[in-house]
Amino acid sequence: MAKPRLRAIVDGGRVVEDPAKDALHDLLADMTLHNRFVIFERLDLEPVDQHYMQAYLNDDMSYQVEYREGSADRHFQAHYAPRPFEMFGPEPIAAVMMDWAHDRPGWREAMPWVPKPG
């Protein structure tokens, strides 16, 4: 498999081209109630701008994680709530995002995905 072309976009518009796992983890760890989302895109898939995974920080500090695979009927979401004082922070989300981006086995089973309401 060819290496995917990746891009991360954070709330406020900052763009990071081809972030490594550590860089993606840092972007997720920097999320606050004023910097609520990170979008992780696959730029090598068609249609362009329709293959992504994103994390959104909710008011209660839980995460809404979504992925889309080309069309509205292939748009899914999962809720992730870290345990209090969780040492790993956004590590599970960073791992799922990287596994998704590189099409590694197991990422679909890592979270309870449900179709995103239209």
Protein backbone atom coordinates (compact mmCIF):
# COMPACT_ATOMS: atom_id res chain seq x y z
CA MET A 1 0.00 0.00 0.00
CA ALA A 2 1.26 3.47 -0.87
CA LYS A 3 1.88 5.87 1.97
CA PRO A 4 -1.25 7.99 2.56
CA ARG A 5 -1.15 11.77 2.16
CA LEU A 6 -2.31 13.19 5.48
CA ARG A 7 -3.14 16.61 6.87
CA ALA A 8 -4.34 17.74 10.28
CA ILE A 9 -6.34 20.94 10.76
CA VAL A 10 -7.01 22.37 14.20
CA ASP A 11 -9.63 24.79 15.43
CA GLY A 12 -8.40 28.22 14.38
CA GLY A 13 -7.09 27.00 11.03
CA ARG A 14 -3.56 25.78 11.82
CA VAL A 15 -2.53 23.09 9.33
CA VAL A 16 0.04 20.33 9.90
CA GLU A 17 1.05 18.36 6.82
CA ASP A 18 1.71 14.64 7.24
CA PRO A 19 1.80 14.61 11.05
CA ALA A 20 3.50 11.70 12.79
CA LYS A 21 1.68 9.96 15.64
CA ASP A 22 3.44 12.08 18.28
CA ALA A 23 2.52 15.31 16.49
CA LEU A 24 -1.11 14.19 16.15
CA HIS A 25 -1.15 13.25 19.84
CA ASP A 26 0.18 16.72 20.73
CA LEU A 27 -2.52 18.41 18.64
CA LEU A 28 -5.19 16.38 20.45
CA ALA A 29 -3.60 17.07 23.85
CA ASP A 30 -3.70 20.80 23.11
CA MET A 31 -7.47 20.78 22.65
CA THR A 32 -9.35 23.10 25.04
CA LEU A 33 -12.82 24.58 25.24
CA HIS A 34 -11.46 27.36 23.00
CA ASN A 35 -9.62 24.98 20.66
CA ARG A 36 -12.22 22.24 20.29
CA PHE A 37 -11.40 20.15 17.25
CA VAL A 38 -8.77 18.36 15.21
CA ILE A 39 -9.61 17.13 11.71
CA PHE A 40 -7.33 14.46 10.24
CA GLU A 41 -7.70 14.13 6.47
CA ARG A 42 -6.69 11.56 3.88
CA LEU A 43 -5.81 13.65 0.82
CA ASP A 44 -5.06 10.71 -1.46
CA LEU A 45 -8.65 9.39 -1.59
CA GLU A 46 -11.55 10.51 -3.78
CA PRO A 47 -13.74 12.45 -3.42
CA VAL A 48 -11.34 15.01 -2.00
CA ASP A 49 -12.27 16.44 1.43
CA GLN A 50 -14.62 13.53 2.14
CA HIS A 51 -12.22 11.09 3.84
CA TYR A 52 -11.41 12.25 7.34
CA MET A 53 -11.52 11.50 11.02
CA GLN A 54 -12.08 14.25 13.56
CA ALA A 55 -12.18 14.72 17.30
CA TYR A 56 -14.30 17.36 19.01
CA LEU A 57 -13.95 18.27 22.69
CA ASN A 58 -17.33 18.47 24.44
CA ASP A 59 -18.13 20.79 27.35
CA ASP A 60 -17.76 17.88 29.80
CA MET A 61 -14.23 17.18 28.41
CA SER A 62 -15.35 14.00 26.66
CA TYR A 63 -14.68 13.60 22.94
CA GLN A 64 -16.96 13.14 19.97
CA VAL A 65 -14.98 11.25 17.34
CA GLU A 66 -16.20 10.94 13.75
CA TYR A 67 -15.02 9.46 10.50
CA ARG A 68 -16.30 9.82 6.98
CA GLU A 69 -15.54 7.62 4.01
CA GLY A 70 -16.66 9.58 0.98
CA SER A 71 -20.41 10.05 1.33
CA ALA A 72 -22.97 11.06 3.93
CA ASP A 73 -24.14 7.44 4.34
CA ARG A 74 -20.55 6.51 5.28
CA HIS A 75 -20.29 9.06 8.14
CA PHE A 76 -20.02 7.57 11.65
CA GLN A 77 -19.49 8.84 15.18
CA ALA A 78 -18.44 7.51 18.57
CA HIS A 79 -18.31 9.02 22.03
CA TYR A 80 -15.12 8.67 24.07
CA ALA A 81 -15.02 9.72 27.72
CA PRO A 82 -11.61 9.43 29.38
CA ARG A 83 -11.61 8.19 32.93
CA PRO A 84 -10.92 10.80 35.63
CA PHE A 85 -7.19 11.43 35.94
CA GLU A 86 -6.52 9.27 32.91
CA MET A 87 -2.76 9.19 32.39
CA PHE A 88 -2.91 8.58 28.66
CA GLY A 89 -5.00 11.62 27.73
CA PRO A 90 -5.88 11.48 24.05
CA GLU A 91 -3.60 8.51 23.32
CA PRO A 92 -6.50 6.14 22.45
CA ILE A 93 -7.91 8.68 19.99
CA ALA A 94 -4.49 9.34 18.42
CA ALA A 95 -3.99 5.58 18.00
CA VAL A 96 -7.38 5.10 16.32
CA MET A 97 -6.77 8.07 14.03
CA MET A 98 -3.35 6.79 12.95
CA ASP A 99 -4.67 3.26 12.46
CA TRP A 100 -7.53 4.66 10.35
CA ALA A 101 -5.15 6.82 8.28
CA HIS A 102 -2.90 3.85 7.51
CA ASP A 103 -5.80 1.41 7.06
CA ARG A 104 -4.52 -0.88 9.81
CA PRO A 105 -6.75 -3.64 11.15
CA GLY A 106 -8.70 -3.11 14.35
CA TRP A 107 -9.51 0.62 14.26
CA ARG A 108 -13.20 0.00 13.48
CA GLU A 109 -13.51 -2.19 16.58
CA ALA A 110 -11.69 0.29 18.83
CA MET A 111 -14.77 2.51 19.34
CA PRO A 112 -18.55 1.97 19.28
CA TRP A 113 -19.27 3.60 15.89
CA VAL A 114 -22.85 4.48 14.94
CA PRO A 115 -24.14 6.31 11.85
CA LYS A 116 -24.02 10.08 12.21
CA PRO A 117 -27.50 11.57 12.07
CA GLY A 118 -28.08 13.69 8.96
